[in-house]
Amino acid sequence: MAFFAISRSHPLTFLSATDLVMEKERLDAECDQLQQAVASHAIIEQAIGVVVVLGRIPPEEAWRALRDVSQRTNTKLRTVGEHVLAFALGRDLPEPERAELEKAITRYTW
């Protein structure tokens, strides 16, 4: 059985059943990555809000503060965001991140 795939670069490309399965797997992986990116974005945006409130700084500066903490502690930005959100709920912020966040907030306070 033959199938044709529609794409922008090759409008009518002949695909075998194997090619279709591979394309579906590729699209599934891409979809998973996009879902993870959207979830990470939401966490980071919420963490920015927490830093805005804690540091009384504008959102742009809160973003820079989170980015600085991530870079200076060699921790993924999403992980820093998760830790900041947990801190807002009463949990402890890991010491290296807490120290760097205090420095960053001080740096970006007007």
Protein backbone atom coordinates (compact mmCIF):
# COMPACT_ATOMS: atom_id res chain seq x y z
CA MET A 1 0.00 0.00 0.00
CA ALA A 2 1.33 3.46 -0.86
CA PHE A 3 0.82 6.71 1.03
CA PHE A 4 1.55 10.29 0.14
CA ALA A 5 2.66 12.79 2.72
CA ILE A 6 2.01 16.50 2.45
CA SER A 7 4.82 18.80 3.44
CA ARG A 8 5.90 22.31 2.52
CA SER A 9 9.17 21.24 0.95
CA HIS A 10 7.90 18.13 -0.89
CA PRO A 11 4.13 18.39 -1.46
CA LEU A 12 3.58 14.83 -2.64
CA THR A 13 6.24 12.53 -1.30
CA PHE A 14 5.72 8.82 -1.59
CA LEU A 15 6.04 7.16 1.84
CA SER A 16 6.04 3.53 2.80
CA ALA A 17 4.28 2.25 5.90
CA THR A 18 7.69 2.15 7.61
CA ASP A 19 8.34 5.78 6.65
CA LEU A 20 4.96 6.76 8.09
CA VAL A 21 5.72 5.00 11.39
CA MET A 22 9.08 6.77 11.60
CA GLU A 23 7.45 10.12 10.83
CA LYS A 24 4.81 9.52 13.49
CA GLU A 25 7.52 8.70 16.05
CA ARG A 26 9.38 11.89 15.10
CA LEU A 27 6.21 13.96 15.45
CA ASP A 28 5.38 12.30 18.80
CA ALA A 29 8.85 13.18 20.11
CA GLU A 30 8.47 16.76 18.85
CA CYS A 31 5.07 17.02 20.54
CA ASP A 32 6.53 15.76 23.83
CA GLN A 33 9.32 18.34 23.61
CA LEU A 34 6.82 21.13 22.96
CA GLN A 35 4.65 20.06 25.90
CA GLN A 36 7.71 20.04 28.15
CA ALA A 37 8.72 23.49 26.88
CA VAL A 38 5.27 24.90 27.64
CA ALA A 39 5.36 23.42 31.16
CA SER A 40 8.87 24.83 31.75
CA HIS A 41 7.77 28.23 30.51
CA ALA A 42 4.84 28.28 32.95
CA ILE A 43 7.09 27.34 35.88
CA ILE A 44 9.62 30.02 34.99
CA GLU A 45 6.91 32.68 34.57
CA GLN A 46 5.47 31.83 37.99
CA ALA A 47 8.94 31.94 39.55
CA ILE A 48 9.47 35.37 37.99
CA GLY A 49 6.30 36.48 39.76
CA VAL A 50 7.61 35.19 43.08
CA VAL A 51 10.91 37.04 42.63
CA VAL A 52 9.01 40.22 41.67
CA VAL A 53 7.14 40.06 44.97
CA LEU A 54 10.10 38.98 47.11
CA GLY A 55 12.56 41.45 45.67
CA ARG A 56 10.16 44.24 44.74
CA ILE A 57 11.80 44.41 41.33
CA PRO A 58 10.34 44.59 37.81
CA PRO A 59 9.68 41.34 35.92
CA GLU A 60 12.58 41.94 33.51
CA GLU A 61 14.97 42.17 36.45
CA ALA A 62 13.40 39.14 38.12
CA TRP A 63 14.05 37.18 34.90
CA ARG A 64 17.68 38.31 34.96
CA ALA A 65 17.97 37.34 38.63
CA LEU A 66 16.67 33.82 37.95
CA ARG A 67 18.96 33.49 34.95
CA ASP A 68 21.93 34.60 37.07
CA VAL A 69 21.09 32.08 39.80
CA SER A 70 20.86 29.34 37.19
CA GLN A 71 24.18 30.22 35.61
CA ARG A 72 26.10 30.82 38.83
CA THR A 73 24.91 27.63 40.51
CA ASN A 74 25.08 25.53 37.33
CA THR A 75 21.43 24.58 37.80
CA LYS A 76 18.86 24.36 35.02
CA LEU A 77 16.58 27.38 34.91
CA ARG A 78 13.49 25.20 35.20
CA THR A 79 14.92 23.58 38.35
CA VAL A 80 15.68 26.99 39.86
CA GLY A 81 12.11 27.99 39.05
CA GLU A 82 10.75 24.87 40.74
CA HIS A 83 12.85 25.57 43.83
CA VAL A 84 11.69 29.21 43.98
CA LEU A 85 8.05 28.10 43.72
CA ALA A 86 8.59 25.55 46.49
CA PHE A 87 10.21 28.30 48.58
CA ALA A 88 7.12 30.46 48.07
CA LEU A 89 5.09 27.59 49.51
CA GLY A 90 7.23 27.43 52.64
CA ARG A 91 9.97 24.98 51.71
CA ASP A 92 13.68 25.67 51.96
CA LEU A 93 15.59 27.06 49.00
CA PRO A 94 18.89 25.20 48.46
CA GLU A 95 21.67 27.26 50.06
CA PRO A 96 23.71 28.04 46.91
CA GLU A 97 20.55 29.19 45.11
CA ARG A 98 19.36 31.20 48.13
CA ALA A 99 22.69 33.02 48.38
CA GLU A 100 22.82 33.75 44.65
CA LEU A 101 19.19 34.88 44.59
CA GLU A 102 19.85 37.36 47.40
CA LYS A 103 22.86 38.74 45.51
CA ALA A 104 20.91 38.92 42.25
CA ILE A 105 17.97 40.72 43.85
CA THR A 106 20.38 43.21 45.41
CA ARG A 107 22.07 43.68 42.03
CA TYR A 108 18.80 44.37 40.22
CA THR A 109 17.10 46.50 42.87
CA TRP A 110 16.71 50.07 41.70
